[in-house]
Amino acid sequence: MTDKQKLAERIREARELSGLSQGQAAKKIGFHRPTISEIEAGRRNVKADEIIVFADLYGVEASWLMKGEIEKEKINKKILAAARELSLMKQEDLDVLMNTIKMIKSKGGKVE
């Protein structure tokens, strides 16, 4: 897999984890939906300033989008503990959890 394909895959993954559709993401950053599709398929180059826009929109680090690297000082012990627990869960339970997280994010972080 090329670096361009890895970047495209991480951009798609970040969008999906943020709970946004391609259309929603495009609207928020002023792109056309087909542009998002082309970027996520690795058929369109992504400029440095666009990587920053995607990182801000999806709530991820630009360094992770570009290289898959996470800045160690940004990872706290609670997140590491949660990751360990998540790694022990069954896939169907992870799916339920991810849907719950997406629902909470779509409500602006408010649980009713």
C-alpha atoms as a PDB file:
ATOM      1  CA  MET A   1       0.000   0.000   0.000  1.00  0.00           C
ATOM      2  CA  THR A   2       1.404   3.399  -0.963  1.00  0.00           C
ATOM      3  CA  ASP A   3       1.658   6.364   1.397  1.00  0.00           C
ATOM      4  CA  LYS A   4      -1.094   8.079  -0.611  1.00  0.00           C
ATOM      5  CA  GLN A   5      -3.396   5.079  -0.103  1.00  0.00           C
ATOM      6  CA  LYS A   6      -2.584   4.940   3.620  1.00  0.00           C
ATOM      7  CA  LEU A   7      -3.420   8.640   3.967  1.00  0.00           C
ATOM      8  CA  ALA A   8      -6.681   8.122   2.082  1.00  0.00           C
ATOM      9  CA  GLU A   9      -7.573   5.178   4.325  1.00  0.00           C
ATOM     10  CA  ARG A  10      -6.867   7.143   7.526  1.00  0.00           C
ATOM     11  CA  ILE A  11      -8.937  10.108   6.284  1.00  0.00           C
ATOM     12  CA  ARG A  12     -11.862   7.755   5.568  1.00  0.00           C
ATOM     13  CA  GLU A  13     -11.452   6.004   8.919  1.00  0.00           C
ATOM     14  CA  ALA A  14     -11.348   9.326  10.795  1.00  0.00           C
ATOM     15  CA  ARG A  15     -14.501  10.512   8.991  1.00  0.00           C
ATOM     16  CA  GLU A  16     -16.358   7.315   9.800  1.00  0.00           C
ATOM     17  CA  LEU A  17     -15.284   7.411  13.451  1.00  0.00           C
ATOM     18  CA  SER A  18     -16.427  11.027  13.657  1.00  0.00           C
ATOM     19  CA  GLY A  19     -19.896   9.869  12.588  1.00  0.00           C
ATOM     20  CA  LEU A  20     -20.041  12.029   9.466  1.00  0.00           C
ATOM     21  CA  SER A  21     -21.111  10.974   6.006  1.00  0.00           C
ATOM     22  CA  GLN A  22     -19.061  12.092   3.020  1.00  0.00           C
ATOM     23  CA  GLY A  23     -21.788  14.629   2.226  1.00  0.00           C
ATOM     24  CA  GLN A  24     -21.823  16.050   5.749  1.00  0.00           C
ATOM     25  CA  ALA A  25     -18.045  16.337   5.841  1.00  0.00           C
ATOM     26  CA  ALA A  26     -17.980  18.006   2.425  1.00  0.00           C
ATOM     27  CA  LYS A  27     -20.588  20.554   3.459  1.00  0.00           C
ATOM     28  CA  LYS A  28     -18.730  21.440   6.665  1.00  0.00           C
ATOM     29  CA  ILE A  29     -15.454  22.158   4.835  1.00  0.00           C
ATOM     30  CA  GLY A  30     -16.843  23.575   1.605  1.00  0.00           C
ATOM     31  CA  PHE A  31     -16.004  20.663  -0.699  1.00  0.00           C
ATOM     32  CA  HIS A  32     -18.250  18.745  -3.055  1.00  0.00           C
ATOM     33  CA  ARG A  33     -19.099  15.217  -1.906  1.00  0.00           C
ATOM     34  CA  PRO A  34     -17.371  13.634  -4.922  1.00  0.00           C
ATOM     35  CA  THR A  35     -14.153  15.404  -3.861  1.00  0.00           C
ATOM     36  CA  ILE A  36     -14.289  13.635  -0.488  1.00  0.00           C
ATOM     37  CA  SER A  37     -14.900  10.360  -2.309  1.00  0.00           C
ATOM     38  CA  GLU A  38     -11.905  10.933  -4.598  1.00  0.00           C
ATOM     39  CA  ILE A  39      -9.666  11.787  -1.625  1.00  0.00           C
ATOM     40  CA  GLU A  40     -10.763   8.718   0.349  1.00  0.00           C
ATOM     41  CA  ALA A  41     -10.207   6.501  -2.690  1.00  0.00           C
ATOM     42  CA  GLY A  42      -6.670   7.856  -3.058  1.00  0.00           C
ATOM     43  CA  ARG A  43      -7.374   9.294  -6.494  1.00  0.00           C
ATOM     44  CA  ARG A  44      -6.894  12.936  -5.460  1.00  0.00           C
ATOM     45  CA  ASN A  45      -3.844  14.452  -3.812  1.00  0.00           C
ATOM     46  CA  VAL A  46      -4.402  16.137  -0.466  1.00  0.00           C
ATOM     47  CA  LYS A  47      -2.682  19.453   0.232  1.00  0.00           C
ATOM     48  CA  ALA A  48      -1.028  20.127   3.585  1.00  0.00           C
ATOM     49  CA  ASP A  49      -3.624  22.742   4.533  1.00  0.00           C
ATOM     50  CA  GLU A  50      -6.408  20.282   3.681  1.00  0.00           C
ATOM     51  CA  ILE A  51      -4.896  17.686   6.018  1.00  0.00           C
ATOM     52  CA  ILE A  52      -5.141  20.222   8.836  1.00  0.00           C
ATOM     53  CA  VAL A  53      -8.769  20.948   7.923  1.00  0.00           C
ATOM     54  CA  PHE A  54      -9.589  17.212   7.984  1.00  0.00           C
ATOM     55  CA  ALA A  55      -7.766  16.748  11.294  1.00  0.00           C
ATOM     56  CA  ASP A  56      -9.713  19.602  12.892  1.00  0.00           C
ATOM     57  CA  LEU A  57     -13.036  18.414  11.473  1.00  0.00           C
ATOM     58  CA  TYR A  58     -12.571  14.802  12.551  1.00  0.00           C
ATOM     59  CA  GLY A  59     -10.901  15.530  15.890  1.00  0.00           C
ATOM     60  CA  VAL A  60      -7.652  13.717  15.128  1.00  0.00           C
ATOM     61  CA  GLU A  61      -4.009  14.755  14.966  1.00  0.00           C
ATOM     62  CA  ALA A  62      -2.652  15.778  11.561  1.00  0.00           C
ATOM     63  CA  SER A  63       0.402  13.612  12.293  1.00  0.00           C
ATOM     64  CA  TRP A  64      -1.867  10.593  12.611  1.00  0.00           C
ATOM     65  CA  LEU A  65      -3.535  11.328   9.279  1.00  0.00           C
ATOM     66  CA  MET A  66      -0.185  11.758   7.542  1.00  0.00           C
ATOM     67  CA  LYS A  67       1.866   8.978   9.108  1.00  0.00           C
ATOM     68  CA  GLY A  68      -0.340   7.013  11.469  1.00  0.00           C
ATOM     69  CA  GLU A  69       1.686   8.323  14.401  1.00  0.00           C
ATOM     70  CA  ILE A  70       0.196   9.412  17.681  1.00  0.00           C
ATOM     71  CA  GLU A  71       1.977  12.032  19.754  1.00  0.00           C
ATOM     72  CA  LYS A  72       2.754  10.266  23.028  1.00  0.00           C
ATOM     73  CA  GLU A  73       2.166  13.334  25.171  1.00  0.00           C
ATOM     74  CA  LYS A  74      -1.425  13.444  23.855  1.00  0.00           C
ATOM     75  CA  ILE A  75      -2.211   9.954  25.159  1.00  0.00           C
ATOM     76  CA  ASN A  76      -3.244   9.860  28.775  1.00  0.00           C
ATOM     77  CA  LYS A  77      -3.393   6.853  31.068  1.00  0.00           C
ATOM     78  CA  LYS A  78      -7.201   6.654  31.027  1.00  0.00           C
ATOM     79  CA  ILE A  79      -7.206   6.348  27.246  1.00  0.00           C
ATOM     80  CA  LEU A  80      -4.582   3.593  27.384  1.00  0.00           C
ATOM     81  CA  ALA A  81      -6.604   1.728  30.014  1.00  0.00           C
ATOM     82  CA  ALA A  82      -9.737   2.065  27.881  1.00  0.00           C
ATOM     83  CA  ALA A  83      -7.852   0.774  24.839  1.00  0.00           C
ATOM     84  CA  ARG A  84      -6.729  -2.287  26.782  1.00  0.00           C
ATOM     85  CA  GLU A  85     -10.317  -3.001  27.839  1.00  0.00           C
ATOM     86  CA  LEU A  86     -11.618  -2.459  24.312  1.00  0.00           C
ATOM     87  CA  SER A  87      -9.092  -4.926  22.921  1.00  0.00           C
ATOM     88  CA  LEU A  88     -10.701  -7.649  25.069  1.00  0.00           C
ATOM     89  CA  MET A  89     -14.265  -7.011  23.860  1.00  0.00           C
ATOM     90  CA  LYS A  90     -16.181  -9.075  21.320  1.00  0.00           C
ATOM     91  CA  GLN A  91     -16.698  -7.449  17.913  1.00  0.00           C
ATOM     92  CA  GLU A  92     -20.484  -7.221  18.337  1.00  0.00           C
ATOM     93  CA  ASP A  93     -20.017  -5.423  21.671  1.00  0.00           C
ATOM     94  CA  LEU A  94     -17.546  -3.024  20.045  1.00  0.00           C
ATOM     95  CA  ASP A  95     -20.110  -2.298  17.326  1.00  0.00           C
ATOM     96  CA  VAL A  96     -22.743  -1.436  19.949  1.00  0.00           C
ATOM     97  CA  LEU A  97     -20.266   0.773  21.787  1.00  0.00           C
ATOM     98  CA  MET A  98     -19.227   2.616  18.613  1.00  0.00           C
ATOM     99  CA  ASN A  99     -22.877   3.233  17.695  1.00  0.00           C
ATOM    100  CA  THR A 100     -23.476   4.612  21.189  1.00  0.00           C
ATOM    101  CA  ILE A 101     -20.466   6.930  20.896  1.00  0.00           C
ATOM    102  CA  LYS A 102     -21.665   8.160  17.489  1.00  0.00           C
ATOM    103  CA  MET A 103     -25.129   8.821  18.926  1.00  0.00           C
ATOM    104  CA  ILE A 104     -23.686  10.828  21.828  1.00  0.00           C
ATOM    105  CA  LYS A 105     -21.444  12.830  19.463  1.00  0.00           C
ATOM    106  CA  SER A 106     -24.375  13.594  17.166  1.00  0.00           C
ATOM    107  CA  LYS A 107     -26.234  15.098  20.141  1.00  0.00           C
ATOM    108  CA  GLY A 108     -23.292  17.365  20.958  1.00  0.00           C
ATOM    109  CA  GLY A 109     -22.029  15.144  23.774  1.00  0.00           C
ATOM    110  CA  LYS A 110     -25.328  15.320  25.697  1.00  0.00           C
ATOM    111  CA  VAL A 111     -26.930  12.160  27.024  1.00  0.00           C
ATOM    112  CA  GLU A 112     -30.656  12.490  27.609  1.00  0.00           C
END
